[in-house]
Each structure stands twice: as structure tokens, then as C-alpha cells.
Amino acid sequence: MIPIAQAYQKGDRIKLILDKERGPDTHLHGKTGEIIHIEFDDASSITGNSEDNFIYTIQLDNGEIPDIHFRRYDLRKEG
């Protein structure tokens, strides 16, 4: 059984879970940080999944803010 996804909010602590086959952001896999900004778009009109409408900006624990925006499937709540 697949667990129901929890909504993410600004300030949440997260861990990046990035598919090694997806692209140039794989070096960030396993890094932890905090959600500092959430934007919205209409990606669900293509994917059919309303969670795809959320775009997250993350500040890593080392202070870095990657110039990559993340989707729900890239994140796991810490703790």
C-alpha cells in the first residue's frame, strides 16, 4: 500500500531524493535542507497529478540554494 503524501510547507526540513537517471542534479541526492519558497504552475494538466503543480526552492544545510527547482517526488520530509 502506498502511503498518502503529506503536503510540504515553507520551513519544512527535507532530504533530496533524486533519481540517478534523471539529470544533472544527481550530485544533490541525499542532501538535506529547508523549503524556503513554493511556486505553482499547471504541470498537472500534463501529468494528471495535482502534486506536480508545486515547485520548491530549497536552501541546503551548507547555505547553498541550488539553481534548480524541485518537485514533490524529489523530496522526503526529515524526521
C-alpha atoms as a PDB file:
ATOM      1  CA  MET A   1       0.000   0.000   0.000  1.00  0.00           C
ATOM      2  CA  ILE A   2       1.331   3.442  -0.972  1.00  0.00           C
ATOM      3  CA  PRO A   3       1.171   5.975   1.894  1.00  0.00           C
ATOM      4  CA  ILE A   4      -0.780   9.190   1.365  1.00  0.00           C
ATOM      5  CA  ALA A   5       1.636  12.022   0.660  1.00  0.00           C
ATOM      6  CA  GLN A   6       1.929  14.810   3.178  1.00  0.00           C
ATOM      7  CA  ALA A   7       1.781  18.391   1.981  1.00  0.00           C
ATOM      8  CA  TYR A   8       5.041  20.310   2.158  1.00  0.00           C
ATOM      9  CA  GLN A   9       5.193  23.838   3.502  1.00  0.00           C
ATOM     10  CA  LYS A  10       7.741  26.632   3.661  1.00  0.00           C
ATOM     11  CA  GLY A  11      10.099  25.901   6.552  1.00  0.00           C
ATOM     12  CA  ASP A  12       9.814  22.116   6.338  1.00  0.00           C
ATOM     13  CA  ARG A  13      13.057  20.142   6.709  1.00  0.00           C
ATOM     14  CA  ILE A  14      13.593  17.833   3.752  1.00  0.00           C
ATOM     15  CA  LYS A  15      16.021  15.375   2.187  1.00  0.00           C
ATOM     16  CA  LEU A  16      16.547  15.362  -1.569  1.00  0.00           C
ATOM     17  CA  ILE A  17      15.776  12.026  -3.220  1.00  0.00           C
ATOM     18  CA  LEU A  18      16.908  12.287  -6.832  1.00  0.00           C
ATOM     19  CA  ASP A  19      16.748   9.537  -9.417  1.00  0.00           C
ATOM     20  CA  LYS A  20      20.261   8.819 -10.627  1.00  0.00           C
ATOM     21  CA  GLU A  21      18.975   8.537 -14.201  1.00  0.00           C
ATOM     22  CA  ARG A  22      17.139  11.885 -14.288  1.00  0.00           C
ATOM     23  CA  GLY A  23      19.740  14.517 -14.888  1.00  0.00           C
ATOM     24  CA  PRO A  24      22.433  16.939 -13.781  1.00  0.00           C
ATOM     25  CA  ASP A  25      21.116  17.336 -10.222  1.00  0.00           C
ATOM     26  CA  THR A  26      22.124  13.861  -9.027  1.00  0.00           C
ATOM     27  CA  HIS A  27      25.083  15.306  -7.079  1.00  0.00           C
ATOM     28  CA  LEU A  28      22.459  16.747  -4.704  1.00  0.00           C
ATOM     29  CA  HIS A  29      20.969  13.319  -3.894  1.00  0.00           C
ATOM     30  CA  GLY A  30      20.827  12.763  -0.137  1.00  0.00           C
ATOM     31  CA  LYS A  31      21.464  16.415   0.762  1.00  0.00           C
ATOM     32  CA  THR A  32      19.263  17.943   3.449  1.00  0.00           C
ATOM     33  CA  GLY A  33      17.847  21.415   3.860  1.00  0.00           C
ATOM     34  CA  GLU A  34      14.750  23.554   4.218  1.00  0.00           C
ATOM     35  CA  ILE A  35      11.984  24.642   1.873  1.00  0.00           C
ATOM     36  CA  ILE A  36      12.335  28.415   1.514  1.00  0.00           C
ATOM     37  CA  HIS A  37       9.894  29.146  -1.327  1.00  0.00           C
ATOM     38  CA  ILE A  38       6.983  27.447  -3.073  1.00  0.00           C
ATOM     39  CA  GLU A  39       5.696  28.359  -6.521  1.00  0.00           C
ATOM     40  CA  PHE A  40       2.851  26.936  -8.553  1.00  0.00           C
ATOM     41  CA  ASP A  41       2.328  26.065 -12.180  1.00  0.00           C
ATOM     42  CA  ASP A  42      -0.064  23.903 -14.185  1.00  0.00           C
ATOM     43  CA  ALA A  43       2.076  20.785 -14.683  1.00  0.00           C
ATOM     44  CA  SER A  44      -0.826  18.605 -13.563  1.00  0.00           C
ATOM     45  CA  SER A  45      -2.610  19.414 -16.822  1.00  0.00           C
ATOM     46  CA  ILE A  46       0.089  17.282 -18.462  1.00  0.00           C
ATOM     47  CA  THR A  47       0.851  14.718 -15.752  1.00  0.00           C
ATOM     48  CA  GLY A  48      -2.617  14.307 -14.238  1.00  0.00           C
ATOM     49  CA  ASN A  49      -1.147  14.598 -10.722  1.00  0.00           C
ATOM     50  CA  SER A  50      -2.085  17.748  -8.772  1.00  0.00           C
ATOM     51  CA  GLU A  51       1.072  17.429  -6.622  1.00  0.00           C
ATOM     52  CA  ASP A  52       3.094  18.265  -9.738  1.00  0.00           C
ATOM     53  CA  ASN A  53       1.787  21.864  -9.567  1.00  0.00           C
ATOM     54  CA  PHE A  54       4.169  22.671  -6.703  1.00  0.00           C
ATOM     55  CA  ILE A  55       7.735  23.858  -7.359  1.00  0.00           C
ATOM     56  CA  TYR A  56      10.037  24.007  -4.340  1.00  0.00           C
ATOM     57  CA  THR A  57      13.153  26.122  -3.737  1.00  0.00           C
ATOM     58  CA  ILE A  58      15.476  24.530  -1.191  1.00  0.00           C
ATOM     59  CA  GLN A  59      18.248  26.007   0.934  1.00  0.00           C
ATOM     60  CA  LEU A  60      20.728  23.260   1.762  1.00  0.00           C
ATOM     61  CA  ASP A  61      22.232  22.916   5.224  1.00  0.00           C
ATOM     62  CA  ASN A  62      25.526  24.331   3.926  1.00  0.00           C
ATOM     63  CA  GLY A  63      23.693  27.556   2.942  1.00  0.00           C
ATOM     64  CA  GLU A  64      23.675  26.819  -0.796  1.00  0.00           C
ATOM     65  CA  ILE A  65      20.482  27.450  -2.752  1.00  0.00           C
ATOM     66  CA  PRO A  66      20.713  25.238  -5.859  1.00  0.00           C
ATOM     67  CA  ASP A  67      19.726  26.913  -9.106  1.00  0.00           C
ATOM     68  CA  ILE A  68      17.313  24.019  -9.614  1.00  0.00           C
ATOM     69  CA  HIS A  69      13.697  23.880  -8.575  1.00  0.00           C
ATOM     70  CA  PHE A  70      12.369  20.614  -7.200  1.00  0.00           C
ATOM     71  CA  ARG A  71       9.054  18.783  -7.483  1.00  0.00           C
ATOM     72  CA  ARG A  72       7.240  16.741  -4.839  1.00  0.00           C
ATOM     73  CA  TYR A  73       8.770  13.448  -5.986  1.00  0.00           C
ATOM     74  CA  ASP A  74      12.283  14.872  -5.332  1.00  0.00           C
ATOM     75  CA  LEU A  75      11.655  15.432  -1.610  1.00  0.00           C
ATOM     76  CA  ARG A  76      11.197  13.446   1.596  1.00  0.00           C
ATOM     77  CA  LYS A  77      10.382  15.001   4.954  1.00  0.00           C
ATOM     78  CA  GLU A  78      13.126  14.695   7.514  1.00  0.00           C
ATOM     79  CA  GLY A  79      12.325  13.415  10.959  1.00  0.00           C
END
